[in-house]
Amino acid sequence: MERLDPFMLPVAGLVITLLQTEVVMKRDTRGKWSLTIHKRALRDSALGRVLTALLSQVTSGK
């Protein structure tokens, strides 16, 4: 296996986190904005598929 770029690991972690996060922006009748951020838990099987796909992309499928 080739050496991994150290920059790719934090990027992969960020991608996994963003894929699990819901963001809702609402504006009330007075024009005030509210932001709700909810991070959903990922099942182990889904996390495994995401990690496998990311590692495959990072290592170019080798």
N, C-alpha and C. Protein backbone atom coordinates (compact mmCIF):
# COMPACT_ATOMS: atom_id res chain seq x y z
N MET A 1 0.84 -1.19 0.00
CA MET A 1 0.00 0.00 0.00
C MET A 1 0.88 1.24 0.00
N GLU A 2 0.50 2.21 -0.77
CA GLU A 2 1.23 3.46 -0.83
C GLU A 2 1.06 4.24 0.47
N ARG A 3 1.96 5.17 0.71
CA ARG A 3 1.83 6.03 1.88
C ARG A 3 0.65 6.97 1.70
N LEU A 4 -0.07 7.18 2.78
CA LEU A 4 -1.22 8.09 2.73
C LEU A 4 -0.77 9.51 2.98
N ASP A 5 -1.37 10.42 2.29
CA ASP A 5 -1.12 11.83 2.52
C ASP A 5 -1.70 12.21 3.89
N PRO A 6 -0.91 12.80 4.80
CA PRO A 6 -1.43 13.14 6.13
C PRO A 6 -2.62 14.10 6.09
N PHE A 7 -2.75 14.83 5.03
CA PHE A 7 -3.86 15.78 4.88
C PHE A 7 -5.18 15.05 4.65
N MET A 8 -5.12 13.85 4.07
CA MET A 8 -6.34 13.12 3.71
C MET A 8 -7.10 12.59 4.92
N LEU A 9 -6.41 12.22 5.99
CA LEU A 9 -7.10 11.67 7.16
C LEU A 9 -8.05 12.68 7.81
N PRO A 10 -7.61 13.91 8.08
CA PRO A 10 -8.58 14.88 8.64
C PRO A 10 -9.72 15.19 7.66
N VAL A 11 -9.40 15.24 6.38
CA VAL A 11 -10.44 15.50 5.37
C VAL A 11 -11.47 14.37 5.37
N ALA A 12 -11.01 13.13 5.44
CA ALA A 12 -11.92 11.99 5.48
C ALA A 12 -12.79 12.05 6.74
N GLY A 13 -12.21 12.41 7.88
CA GLY A 13 -12.99 12.55 9.11
C GLY A 13 -14.04 13.64 8.99
N LEU A 14 -13.68 14.74 8.35
CA LEU A 14 -14.63 15.83 8.14
C LEU A 14 -15.76 15.40 7.23
N VAL A 15 -15.44 14.66 6.18
CA VAL A 15 -16.46 14.18 5.25
C VAL A 15 -17.45 13.27 5.97
N ILE A 16 -16.93 12.35 6.79
CA ILE A 16 -17.81 11.44 7.53
C ILE A 16 -18.72 12.23 8.47
N THR A 17 -18.16 13.23 9.16
CA THR A 17 -18.95 14.04 10.07
C THR A 17 -20.03 14.82 9.32
N LEU A 18 -19.67 15.42 8.19
CA LEU A 18 -20.64 16.20 7.42
C LEU A 18 -21.76 15.33 6.86
N LEU A 19 -21.44 14.10 6.49
CA LEU A 19 -22.48 13.21 5.96
C LEU A 19 -23.49 12.81 7.02
N GLN A 20 -23.13 12.93 8.28
CA GLN A 20 -24.02 12.55 9.37
C GLN A 20 -24.79 13.73 9.94
N THR A 21 -24.56 14.93 9.46
CA THR A 21 -25.08 16.14 10.09
C THR A 21 -26.25 16.73 9.30
N GLU A 22 -27.31 17.06 10.02
CA GLU A 22 -28.45 17.77 9.43
C GLU A 22 -28.41 19.21 9.90
N VAL A 23 -28.60 20.14 8.98
CA VAL A 23 -28.63 21.56 9.33
C VAL A 23 -29.95 22.13 8.82
N VAL A 24 -30.69 22.77 9.73
CA VAL A 24 -31.98 23.38 9.38
C VAL A 24 -31.92 24.87 9.71
N MET A 25 -32.18 25.70 8.70
CA MET A 25 -32.24 27.15 8.92
C MET A 25 -33.69 27.58 8.76
N LYS A 26 -34.18 28.33 9.74
CA LYS A 26 -35.57 28.81 9.69
C LYS A 26 -35.58 30.31 9.93
N ARG A 27 -36.57 30.95 9.35
CA ARG A 27 -36.78 32.38 9.55
C ARG A 27 -38.20 32.57 10.05
N ASP A 28 -38.33 33.24 11.21
CA ASP A 28 -39.68 33.42 11.76
C ASP A 28 -40.34 34.64 11.12
N THR A 29 -41.56 34.93 11.55
CA THR A 29 -42.34 36.02 10.95
C THR A 29 -41.75 37.39 11.21
N ARG A 30 -40.91 37.51 12.26
CA ARG A 30 -40.27 38.80 12.55
C ARG A 30 -38.93 38.97 11.84
N GLY A 31 -38.56 37.98 11.04
CA GLY A 31 -37.33 38.06 10.27
C GLY A 31 -36.10 37.54 11.01
N LYS A 32 -36.31 36.94 12.17
CA LYS A 32 -35.19 36.43 12.94
C LYS A 32 -34.84 35.01 12.47
N TRP A 33 -33.56 34.75 12.25
CA TRP A 33 -33.10 33.45 11.77
C TRP A 33 -32.73 32.55 12.94
N SER A 34 -32.99 31.28 12.78
CA SER A 34 -32.54 30.28 13.76
C SER A 34 -31.85 29.14 13.00
N LEU A 35 -30.87 28.56 13.64
CA LEU A 35 -30.09 27.49 13.03
C LEU A 35 -30.11 26.29 13.98
N THR A 36 -30.48 25.14 13.45
CA THR A 36 -30.50 23.92 14.23
C THR A 36 -29.55 22.92 13.57
N ILE A 37 -28.62 22.40 14.37
CA ILE A 37 -27.66 21.41 13.87
C ILE A 37 -27.87 20.13 14.65
N HIS A 38 -28.07 19.04 13.93
CA HIS A 38 -28.30 17.74 14.56
C HIS A 38 -27.37 16.72 13.91
N LYS A 39 -26.55 16.07 14.72
CA LYS A 39 -25.65 15.05 14.20
C LYS A 39 -26.27 13.68 14.49
N ARG A 40 -26.60 12.99 13.43
CA ARG A 40 -27.20 11.67 13.56
C ARG A 40 -26.11 10.62 13.74
N ALA A 41 -26.41 9.58 14.49
CA ALA A 41 -25.48 8.47 14.65
C ALA A 41 -25.55 7.59 13.41
N LEU A 42 -24.40 7.11 12.98
CA LEU A 42 -24.33 6.23 11.82
C LEU A 42 -24.22 4.80 12.32
N ARG A 43 -25.01 3.90 11.75
CA ARG A 43 -24.91 2.49 12.14
C ARG A 43 -23.54 1.96 11.76
N ASP A 44 -23.10 0.94 12.47
CA ASP A 44 -21.78 0.36 12.23
C ASP A 44 -21.61 -0.12 10.79
N SER A 45 -22.65 -0.73 10.24
CA SER A 45 -22.55 -1.24 8.87
C SER A 45 -22.43 -0.10 7.85
N ALA A 46 -23.18 0.96 8.08
CA ALA A 46 -23.10 2.11 7.18
C ALA A 46 -21.75 2.79 7.30
N LEU A 47 -21.25 2.92 8.52
CA LEU A 47 -19.93 3.52 8.73
C LEU A 47 -18.85 2.69 8.05
N GLY A 48 -18.97 1.39 8.12
CA GLY A 48 -18.00 0.52 7.45
C GLY A 48 -18.00 0.71 5.95
N ARG A 49 -19.18 0.84 5.35
CA ARG A 49 -19.26 1.06 3.90
C ARG A 49 -18.67 2.41 3.52
N VAL A 50 -18.92 3.44 4.32
CA VAL A 50 -18.37 4.77 4.03
C VAL A 50 -16.85 4.75 4.13
N LEU A 51 -16.33 4.15 5.20
CA LEU A 51 -14.88 4.07 5.37
C LEU A 51 -14.22 3.26 4.25
N THR A 52 -14.85 2.17 3.85
CA THR A 52 -14.31 1.36 2.76
C THR A 52 -14.27 2.16 1.46
N ALA A 53 -15.33 2.90 1.17
CA ALA A 53 -15.36 3.71 -0.04
C ALA A 53 -14.31 4.82 0.00
N LEU A 54 -14.17 5.47 1.16
CA LEU A 54 -13.18 6.53 1.28
C LEU A 54 -11.76 5.99 1.13
N LEU A 55 -11.47 4.89 1.80
CA LEU A 55 -10.13 4.29 1.67
C LEU A 55 -9.85 3.85 0.24
N SER A 56 -10.87 3.36 -0.43
CA SER A 56 -10.69 2.96 -1.82
C SER A 56 -10.34 4.16 -2.70
N GLN A 57 -10.98 5.30 -2.43
CA GLN A 57 -10.68 6.51 -3.20
C GLN A 57 -9.30 7.06 -2.88
N VAL A 58 -8.96 7.03 -1.59
CA VAL A 58 -7.67 7.58 -1.16
C VAL A 58 -6.52 6.76 -1.71
N THR A 59 -6.68 5.45 -1.71
CA THR A 59 -5.60 4.58 -2.19
C THR A 59 -5.77 4.22 -3.65
N SER A 60 -6.64 4.88 -4.35
CA SER A 60 -6.90 4.69 -5.79
C SER A 60 -7.31 3.27 -6.13
N GLY A 61 -8.03 2.62 -5.18
CA GLY A 61 -8.54 1.29 -5.42
C GLY A 61 -7.51 0.18 -5.41
N LYS A 62 -6.30 0.47 -4.94
CA LYS A 62 -5.22 -0.54 -4.94
C LYS A 62 -5.28 -1.37 -3.69
